[in-house]
Amino acid sequence: MTVQFASLKEENVTIRVMDFSGRLVLVQEYAADNGINEAVLQLDGLQAGVYLVRISNATSTAEPMRIVKEFKRIFLIDIGNARLPDFGGQAFLKLSVLFAHV
């Protein structure tokens, strides 16, 4: 699965994937560039189910995005009312999931 996000500067971000019970199943560090970034997450070993994807930097965390992993596919099911952190009126992160076969 590919996670796409935007950053206002070069910085380290952390991408976390949790199962629906809140158990952390994947943590991936990423060195983000200024602008649009894409990080590939290896979800092959995860069972089918609902997962939350959350991305954060040193000062803020974006609202989680819910995805469903089926046997060979991943679907974005809800971004809810995603709120982006406020950095002087500028959004720091926009998290989106690019659909992928796993």
Protein backbone atom coordinates (compact mmCIF):
# COMPACT_ATOMS: atom_id res chain seq x y z
CA MET A 1 0.00 0.00 0.00
CA THR A 2 1.25 3.49 -0.77
CA VAL A 3 0.54 6.37 1.58
CA GLN A 4 0.77 9.82 0.06
CA PHE A 5 1.21 12.93 2.21
CA ALA A 6 2.38 16.51 1.98
CA SER A 7 4.93 18.20 4.20
CA LEU A 8 5.82 21.88 4.41
CA LYS A 9 9.49 21.13 5.04
CA GLU A 10 12.08 18.39 5.14
CA GLU A 11 11.43 16.46 8.34
CA ASN A 12 11.11 13.02 9.82
CA VAL A 13 7.62 11.59 10.05
CA THR A 14 6.27 8.41 11.59
CA ILE A 15 3.57 6.32 9.94
CA ARG A 16 1.67 4.00 12.27
CA VAL A 17 -0.81 1.28 11.38
CA MET A 18 -3.07 -0.02 14.15
CA ASP A 19 -5.68 -2.73 14.08
CA PHE A 20 -9.21 -1.80 15.08
CA SER A 21 -8.58 -2.78 18.71
CA GLY A 22 -5.78 -0.19 18.86
CA ARG A 23 -2.87 -2.65 18.73
CA LEU A 24 0.11 -1.22 16.88
CA VAL A 25 0.94 -3.54 13.96
CA LEU A 26 3.40 -1.43 11.93
CA VAL A 27 5.62 1.59 12.57
CA GLN A 28 7.62 3.10 9.75
CA GLU A 29 9.91 6.11 9.93
CA TYR A 30 10.16 8.25 6.81
CA ALA A 31 12.40 11.19 5.85
CA ALA A 32 9.92 13.54 4.20
CA ASP A 33 10.85 16.15 1.62
CA ASN A 34 9.15 19.51 1.24
CA GLY A 35 6.04 18.84 -0.87
CA ILE A 36 4.29 15.60 -1.81
CA ASN A 37 5.77 12.37 -0.47
CA GLU A 38 4.89 8.71 -0.99
CA ALA A 39 5.74 5.92 1.41
CA VAL A 40 5.20 2.26 0.61
CA LEU A 41 3.89 0.19 3.52
CA GLN A 42 4.28 -3.58 3.48
CA LEU A 43 0.99 -4.98 4.75
CA ASP A 44 1.39 -8.48 3.30
CA GLY A 45 1.68 -10.10 6.72
CA LEU A 46 -1.47 -8.53 8.15
CA GLN A 47 -4.73 -10.42 8.40
CA ALA A 48 -7.86 -9.18 6.66
CA GLY A 49 -9.58 -6.53 8.76
CA VAL A 50 -10.03 -2.86 9.53
CA TYR A 51 -6.92 -0.79 10.25
CA LEU A 52 -6.14 2.82 11.15
CA VAL A 53 -3.28 4.66 9.43
CA ARG A 54 -1.87 7.66 11.27
CA ILE A 55 1.02 9.94 10.35
CA SER A 56 2.84 12.35 12.66
CA ASN A 57 5.85 14.63 12.86
CA ALA A 58 7.65 15.90 15.97
CA THR A 59 4.86 18.31 16.90
CA SER A 60 1.56 17.07 15.49
CA THR A 61 -0.46 14.02 14.45
CA ALA A 62 -2.97 13.90 11.60
CA GLU A 63 -6.39 12.34 12.12
CA PRO A 64 -6.32 8.61 11.38
CA MET A 65 -7.63 7.15 8.16
CA ARG A 66 -9.55 3.87 8.21
CA ILE A 67 -8.75 1.22 5.66
CA VAL A 68 -10.03 -2.31 5.10
CA LYS A 69 -7.64 -5.02 4.07
CA GLU A 70 -9.24 -7.91 2.27
CA PHE A 71 -7.38 -10.97 1.08
CA LYS A 72 -5.67 -9.19 -1.84
CA ARG A 73 -7.04 -5.64 -1.76
CA ILE A 74 -7.04 -2.56 0.44
CA PHE A 75 -9.88 -0.03 0.49
CA LEU A 76 -10.12 3.41 2.01
CA ILE A 77 -13.45 3.31 3.84
CA ASP A 78 -13.61 6.61 5.69
CA ILE A 79 -11.62 9.73 6.23
CA GLY A 80 -14.28 11.11 8.56
CA ASN A 81 -13.97 14.78 9.27
CA ALA A 82 -10.21 14.79 8.92
CA ARG A 83 -8.70 17.86 10.50
CA LEU A 84 -5.23 18.94 9.58
CA PRO A 85 -2.90 20.41 12.18
CA ASP A 86 -2.59 24.19 12.07
CA PHE A 87 0.87 25.63 11.54
CA GLY A 88 0.27 29.36 11.29
CA GLY A 89 -2.71 28.89 8.99
CA GLN A 90 -0.95 26.31 6.80
CA ALA A 91 -1.81 22.63 6.73
CA PHE A 92 1.16 20.39 7.50
CA LEU A 93 -0.13 16.99 6.43
CA LYS A 94 -2.62 15.62 4.00
CA LEU A 95 -2.87 11.87 4.25
CA SER A 96 -4.30 9.80 1.46
CA VAL A 97 -4.07 6.15 0.60
CA LEU A 98 -3.42 5.08 -2.95
CA PHE A 99 -5.38 1.91 -3.55
CA ALA A 100 -3.23 -1.11 -4.10
CA HIS A 101 -3.30 -4.83 -4.51
CA VAL A 102 -1.16 -6.54 -1.93
